[in-house]
Amino acid sequence: MRIVAGTHRGTVLADVGAGDTAAHLRPTTDRVRESLFNVLQGGRFGDSINGVTVLDLFAGTGALGLEALSRGASHVTFVENGRVAQKLIRANIAKLRRQADTKLISADAMQLPAGTACGLVFLDPPYGHALGAKALASAKAAGWIAPGALIVWEENTAQIAPPGFSTRDQRRYGDSWVTFLEANQ
């Protein structure tokens, strides 16, 4: 796994490993991440990354948030409750020397503390557990999602926009579906 583009282009991120350690982590592949960011920076959603604050829910390795930082995001807050994943996120942040531009919150994505509104949200919950809509509701209630924010939701099926959000686009990448939502005003 590596950073695809931007100031940290080509930097290899900490390895997930194999066996039990990797069993619960499913990092977004470089190819899917590259396609996803091409959509984000293609103009359809305006300037959705440059200077934007980002929330990375179910952050895993932190690759999505770190890719956004590399491409010009101003700050990323990672939310992850798994110890192995937290260790990987810390290692990846350190490798890129981006401690000043990041924050790691050890919390359940369905029980978030109050936060600062973000303009871009990555949502990559464990597939098939119906956690995405609950996490979005929690993030919105806690003040993490700005009006008009763009949400990038990766799942194994296409998702229907929950109340308070509108679907902007959906794309399939292999076994993954990416649904682009906008937070209603």
C-alpha atoms as a PDB file:
ATOM      1  CA  MET A   1       0.000   0.000   0.000  1.00  0.00           C
ATOM      2  CA  ARG A   2       1.314   3.422  -0.960  1.00  0.00           C
ATOM      3  CA  ILE A   3       0.273   7.046  -1.301  1.00  0.00           C
ATOM      4  CA  VAL A   4      -0.837   7.420  -4.915  1.00  0.00           C
ATOM      5  CA  ALA A   5      -0.392  11.153  -5.563  1.00  0.00           C
ATOM      6  CA  GLY A   6       0.425  14.531  -4.061  1.00  0.00           C
ATOM      7  CA  THR A   7       3.248  15.634  -1.793  1.00  0.00           C
ATOM      8  CA  HIS A   8       3.785  12.118  -0.399  1.00  0.00           C
ATOM      9  CA  ARG A   9       3.386  10.308  -3.724  1.00  0.00           C
ATOM     10  CA  GLY A  10       4.988   6.862  -3.732  1.00  0.00           C
ATOM     11  CA  THR A  11       5.472   6.646   0.045  1.00  0.00           C
ATOM     12  CA  VAL A  12       4.897   3.060   1.138  1.00  0.00           C
ATOM     13  CA  LEU A  13       2.593   2.844   4.136  1.00  0.00           C
ATOM     14  CA  ALA A  14       2.912   0.459   7.093  1.00  0.00           C
ATOM     15  CA  ASP A  15       1.930  -3.066   6.109  1.00  0.00           C
ATOM     16  CA  VAL A  16      -1.262  -4.610   7.428  1.00  0.00           C
ATOM     17  CA  GLY A  17       0.445  -7.981   7.652  1.00  0.00           C
ATOM     18  CA  ALA A  18      -1.193 -11.365   7.409  1.00  0.00           C
ATOM     19  CA  GLY A  19      -3.200 -13.765   9.510  1.00  0.00           C
ATOM     20  CA  ASP A  20      -5.402 -12.672  12.405  1.00  0.00           C
ATOM     21  CA  THR A  21      -3.906  -9.175  12.424  1.00  0.00           C
ATOM     22  CA  ALA A  22      -5.072  -8.491   8.884  1.00  0.00           C
ATOM     23  CA  ALA A  23      -8.321 -10.449   9.080  1.00  0.00           C
ATOM     24  CA  HIS A  24     -10.417  -7.554  10.351  1.00  0.00           C
ATOM     25  CA  LEU A  25      -8.703  -4.860   8.249  1.00  0.00           C
ATOM     26  CA  ARG A  26      -9.671  -4.370   4.626  1.00  0.00           C
ATOM     27  CA  PRO A  27      -7.666  -1.431   3.314  1.00  0.00           C
ATOM     28  CA  THR A  28      -8.903   0.267   0.167  1.00  0.00           C
ATOM     29  CA  THR A  29      -6.561  -0.885  -2.601  1.00  0.00           C
ATOM     30  CA  ASP A  30      -4.219   1.575  -4.307  1.00  0.00           C
ATOM     31  CA  ARG A  31      -6.161   1.168  -7.542  1.00  0.00           C
ATOM     32  CA  VAL A  32      -9.558   1.895  -5.980  1.00  0.00           C
ATOM     33  CA  ARG A  33      -8.097   4.795  -3.964  1.00  0.00           C
ATOM     34  CA  GLU A  34      -6.594   6.272  -7.143  1.00  0.00           C
ATOM     35  CA  SER A  35      -9.928   5.983  -8.996  1.00  0.00           C
ATOM     36  CA  LEU A  36     -11.818   7.430  -6.038  1.00  0.00           C
ATOM     37  CA  PHE A  37      -9.513  10.447  -5.772  1.00  0.00           C
ATOM     38  CA  ASN A  38      -9.653  10.979  -9.530  1.00  0.00           C
ATOM     39  CA  VAL A  39     -13.432  11.349  -9.132  1.00  0.00           C
ATOM     40  CA  LEU A  40     -12.999  13.688  -6.154  1.00  0.00           C
ATOM     41  CA  GLN A  41     -10.549  15.902  -8.019  1.00  0.00           C
ATOM     42  CA  GLY A  42     -12.269  15.674 -11.400  1.00  0.00           C
ATOM     43  CA  GLY A  43     -14.331  18.806 -10.786  1.00  0.00           C
ATOM     44  CA  ARG A  44     -17.767  17.243 -10.399  1.00  0.00           C
ATOM     45  CA  PHE A  45     -17.783  18.009  -6.680  1.00  0.00           C
ATOM     46  CA  GLY A  46     -15.903  21.296  -6.895  1.00  0.00           C
ATOM     47  CA  ASP A  47     -12.633  21.549  -4.988  1.00  0.00           C
ATOM     48  CA  SER A  48     -13.481  18.811  -2.500  1.00  0.00           C
ATOM     49  CA  ILE A  49      -9.985  18.249  -1.062  1.00  0.00           C
ATOM     50  CA  ASN A  50      -7.718  21.321  -1.175  1.00  0.00           C
ATOM     51  CA  GLY A  51      -7.725  23.065   2.220  1.00  0.00           C
ATOM     52  CA  VAL A  52     -10.604  20.923   3.521  1.00  0.00           C
ATOM     53  CA  THR A  53     -10.843  19.311   6.957  1.00  0.00           C
ATOM     54  CA  VAL A  54     -11.456  15.570   6.707  1.00  0.00           C
ATOM     55  CA  LEU A  55     -13.086  12.976   8.950  1.00  0.00           C
ATOM     56  CA  ASP A  56     -12.000   9.380   8.332  1.00  0.00           C
ATOM     57  CA  LEU A  57     -14.489   7.048  10.069  1.00  0.00           C
ATOM     58  CA  PHE A  58     -13.518   3.384  10.507  1.00  0.00           C
ATOM     59  CA  ALA A  59     -10.071   4.614   9.457  1.00  0.00           C
ATOM     60  CA  GLY A  60      -8.305   1.237   9.400  1.00  0.00           C
ATOM     61  CA  THR A  61      -4.767   2.036   8.218  1.00  0.00           C
ATOM     62  CA  GLY A  62      -5.590   5.695   7.626  1.00  0.00           C
ATOM     63  CA  ALA A  63      -4.770   5.420   3.917  1.00  0.00           C
ATOM     64  CA  LEU A  64      -7.811   7.409   2.718  1.00  0.00           C
ATOM     65  CA  GLY A  65      -7.223  10.307   5.101  1.00  0.00           C
ATOM     66  CA  LEU A  66      -3.481  10.329   4.442  1.00  0.00           C
ATOM     67  CA  GLU A  67      -4.077  10.323   0.684  1.00  0.00           C
ATOM     68  CA  ALA A  68      -6.315  13.376   1.186  1.00  0.00           C
ATOM     69  CA  LEU A  69      -3.553  15.109   3.192  1.00  0.00           C
ATOM     70  CA  SER A  70      -1.046  14.331   0.460  1.00  0.00           C
ATOM     71  CA  ARG A  71      -3.404  15.922  -2.065  1.00  0.00           C
ATOM     72  CA  GLY A  72      -3.956  19.141  -0.110  1.00  0.00           C
ATOM     73  CA  ALA A  73      -6.419  18.575   2.751  1.00  0.00           C
ATOM     74  CA  SER A  74      -5.631  20.806   5.725  1.00  0.00           C
ATOM     75  CA  HIS A  75      -6.382  18.381   8.572  1.00  0.00           C
ATOM     76  CA  VAL A  76      -7.613  14.812   9.069  1.00  0.00           C
ATOM     77  CA  THR A  77      -9.283  13.322  12.128  1.00  0.00           C
ATOM     78  CA  PHE A  78      -9.104   9.533  12.153  1.00  0.00           C
ATOM     79  CA  VAL A  79     -11.702   7.556  14.130  1.00  0.00           C
ATOM     80  CA  GLU A  80     -10.746   3.974  14.890  1.00  0.00           C
ATOM     81  CA  ASN A  81     -11.353   1.731  17.885  1.00  0.00           C
ATOM     82  CA  GLY A  82      -9.139  -1.237  16.941  1.00  0.00           C
ATOM     83  CA  ARG A  83      -5.736  -1.304  18.634  1.00  0.00           C
ATOM     84  CA  VAL A  84      -3.909  -2.882  15.685  1.00  0.00           C
ATOM     85  CA  ALA A  85      -5.394  -0.327  13.299  1.00  0.00           C
ATOM     86  CA  GLN A  86      -4.552   2.553  15.680  1.00  0.00           C
ATOM     87  CA  LYS A  87      -0.945   1.386  15.755  1.00  0.00           C
ATOM     88  CA  LEU A  88      -0.861   1.327  11.928  1.00  0.00           C
ATOM     89  CA  ILE A  89      -2.409   4.813  11.712  1.00  0.00           C
ATOM     90  CA  ARG A  90       0.155   6.203  14.169  1.00  0.00           C
ATOM     91  CA  ALA A  91       2.989   4.570  12.214  1.00  0.00           C
ATOM     92  CA  ASN A  92       1.692   5.960   8.920  1.00  0.00           C
ATOM     93  CA  ILE A  93       1.228   9.460  10.337  1.00  0.00           C
ATOM     94  CA  ALA A  94       4.783   9.346  11.707  1.00  0.00           C
ATOM     95  CA  LYS A  95       6.164   8.045   8.419  1.00  0.00           C
ATOM     96  CA  LEU A  96       4.665  11.058   6.615  1.00  0.00           C
ATOM     97  CA  ARG A  97       5.590  13.423   9.484  1.00  0.00           C
ATOM     98  CA  ARG A  98       2.009  14.752   9.598  1.00  0.00           C
ATOM     99  CA  GLN A  99       1.393  14.720  13.365  1.00  0.00           C
ATOM    100  CA  ALA A 100       0.514  18.447  13.335  1.00  0.00           C
ATOM    101  CA  ASP A 101      -2.156  17.926  10.658  1.00  0.00           C
ATOM    102  CA  THR A 102      -3.857  14.875  12.151  1.00  0.00           C
ATOM    103  CA  LYS A 103      -5.710  13.619  15.177  1.00  0.00           C
ATOM    104  CA  LEU A 104      -6.524  10.019  16.095  1.00  0.00           C
ATOM    105  CA  ILE A 105      -9.633   9.421  18.171  1.00  0.00           C
ATOM    106  CA  SER A 106      -9.992   6.035  19.822  1.00  0.00           C
ATOM    107  CA  ALA A 107     -13.769   5.719  19.740  1.00  0.00           C
ATOM    108  CA  ASP A 108     -16.658   3.715  18.416  1.00  0.00           C
ATOM    109  CA  ALA A 109     -17.884   5.486  15.276  1.00  0.00           C
ATOM    110  CA  MET A 110     -21.453   5.207  16.582  1.00  0.00           C
ATOM    111  CA  GLN A 111     -20.609   7.094  19.798  1.00  0.00           C
ATOM    112  CA  LEU A 112     -18.527  10.060  18.724  1.00  0.00           C
ATOM    113  CA  PRO A 113     -17.593  12.937  21.016  1.00  0.00           C
ATOM    114  CA  ALA A 114     -18.457  16.479  19.926  1.00  0.00           C
ATOM    115  CA  GLY A 115     -16.261  17.625  17.062  1.00  0.00           C
ATOM    116  CA  THR A 116     -15.457  20.248  14.466  1.00  0.00           C
ATOM    117  CA  ALA A 117     -17.437  20.255  11.211  1.00  0.00           C
ATOM    118  CA  CYS A 118     -15.587  18.642   8.306  1.00  0.00           C
ATOM    119  CA  GLY A 119     -16.126  19.213   4.599  1.00  0.00           C
ATOM    120  CA  LEU A 120     -15.094  15.713   3.491  1.00  0.00           C
ATOM    121  CA  VAL A 121     -15.934  12.442   5.242  1.00  0.00           C
ATOM    122  CA  PHE A 122     -14.602   8.994   4.417  1.00  0.00           C
ATOM    123  CA  LEU A 123     -16.811   6.182   5.662  1.00  0.00           C
ATOM    124  CA  ASP A 124     -15.474   2.647   5.249  1.00  0.00           C
ATOM    125  CA  PRO A 125     -17.308   0.445   7.780  1.00  0.00           C
ATOM    126  CA  PRO A 126     -16.918  -3.322   8.027  1.00  0.00           C
ATOM    127  CA  TYR A 127     -18.912  -4.760   5.136  1.00  0.00           C
ATOM    128  CA  GLY A 128     -22.350  -6.208   5.770  1.00  0.00           C
ATOM    129  CA  HIS A 129     -22.900  -4.986   9.346  1.00  0.00           C
ATOM    130  CA  ALA A 130     -25.231  -2.018   8.622  1.00  0.00           C
ATOM    131  CA  LEU A 131     -22.945   0.392  10.509  1.00  0.00           C
ATOM    132  CA  GLY A 132     -22.587   3.146   7.912  1.00  0.00           C
ATOM    133  CA  ALA A 133     -25.903   4.967   8.393  1.00  0.00           C
ATOM    134  CA  LYS A 134     -25.558   4.748  12.186  1.00  0.00           C
ATOM    135  CA  ALA A 135     -22.048   6.196  12.047  1.00  0.00           C
ATOM    136  CA  LEU A 136     -23.198   9.038   9.779  1.00  0.00           C
ATOM    137  CA  ALA A 137     -26.061   9.873  12.151  1.00  0.00           C
ATOM    138  CA  SER A 138     -23.636   9.870  15.099  1.00  0.00           C
ATOM    139  CA  ALA A 139     -21.131  12.085  13.261  1.00  0.00           C
ATOM    140  CA  LYS A 140     -23.834  14.546  12.211  1.00  0.00           C
ATOM    141  CA  ALA A 141     -25.337  14.697  15.722  1.00  0.00           C
ATOM    142  CA  ALA A 142     -21.885  15.324  17.234  1.00  0.00           C
ATOM    143  CA  GLY A 143     -21.185  18.217  14.837  1.00  0.00           C
ATOM    144  CA  TRP A 144     -18.559  16.483  12.679  1.00  0.00           C
ATOM    145  CA  ILE A 145     -20.338  16.953   9.331  1.00  0.00           C
ATOM    146  CA  ALA A 146     -20.594  20.429   7.812  1.00  0.00           C
ATOM    147  CA  PRO A 147     -23.681  21.388   5.780  1.00  0.00           C
ATOM    148  CA  GLY A 148     -22.910  20.526   2.161  1.00  0.00           C
ATOM    149  CA  ALA A 149     -20.084  18.157   3.155  1.00  0.00           C
ATOM    150  CA  LEU A 150     -19.174  15.409   0.722  1.00  0.00           C
ATOM    151  CA  ILE A 151     -19.323  11.872   2.140  1.00  0.00           C
ATOM    152  CA  VAL A 152     -17.499   8.997   0.440  1.00  0.00           C
ATOM    153  CA  TRP A 153     -19.042   5.714   1.631  1.00  0.00           C
ATOM    154  CA  GLU A 154     -17.379   2.428   0.684  1.00  0.00           C
ATOM    155  CA  GLU A 155     -19.385  -0.788   1.135  1.00  0.00           C
ATOM    156  CA  ASN A 156     -19.927  -4.137  -0.548  1.00  0.00           C
ATOM    157  CA  THR A 157     -23.314  -2.961  -1.896  1.00  0.00           C
ATOM    158  CA  ALA A 158     -24.665   0.319  -3.238  1.00  0.00           C
ATOM    159  CA  GLN A 159     -26.066   2.417  -0.389  1.00  0.00           C
ATOM    160  CA  ILE A 160     -29.232   4.460  -0.110  1.00  0.00           C
ATOM    161  CA  ALA A 161     -28.798   7.940   1.335  1.00  0.00           C
ATOM    162  CA  PRO A 162     -29.979   8.045   4.951  1.00  0.00           C
ATOM    163  CA  PRO A 163     -32.130  10.952   6.191  1.00  0.00           C
ATOM    164  CA  GLY A 164     -30.213  14.233   6.082  1.00  0.00           C
ATOM    165  CA  PHE A 165     -28.120  13.229   3.056  1.00  0.00           C
ATOM    166  CA  SER A 166     -28.543  13.140  -0.735  1.00  0.00           C
ATOM    167  CA  THR A 167     -26.906  10.726  -3.177  1.00  0.00           C
ATOM    168  CA  ARG A 168     -24.624  12.455  -5.687  1.00  0.00           C
ATOM    169  CA  ASP A 169     -23.065   9.435  -7.440  1.00  0.00           C
ATOM    170  CA  GLN A 170     -22.364   5.711  -7.089  1.00  0.00           C
ATOM    171  CA  ARG A 171     -19.567   3.691  -8.609  1.00  0.00           C
ATOM    172  CA  ARG A 172     -18.552   0.060  -8.483  1.00  0.00           C
ATOM    173  CA  TYR A 173     -14.922  -0.992  -8.160  1.00  0.00           C
ATOM    174  CA  GLY A 174     -14.658  -4.790  -8.184  1.00  0.00           C
ATOM    175  CA  ASP A 175     -16.317  -6.049  -4.987  1.00  0.00           C
ATOM    176  CA  SER A 176     -16.717  -2.540  -3.575  1.00  0.00           C
ATOM    177  CA  TRP A 177     -19.321   0.151  -4.142  1.00  0.00           C
ATOM    178  CA  VAL A 178     -18.519   3.789  -3.469  1.00  0.00           C
ATOM    179  CA  THR A 179     -21.492   6.034  -2.802  1.00  0.00           C
ATOM    180  CA  PHE A 180     -20.934   9.790  -2.848  1.00  0.00           C
ATOM    181  CA  LEU A 181     -23.369  11.647  -0.596  1.00  0.00           C
ATOM    182  CA  GLU A 182     -23.882  15.297   0.246  1.00  0.00           C
ATOM    183  CA  ALA A 183     -24.980  16.452   3.685  1.00  0.00           C
ATOM    184  CA  ASN A 184     -28.195  18.429   3.342  1.00  0.00           C
ATOM    185  CA  GLN A 185     -28.070  22.071   4.396  1.00  0.00           C
END
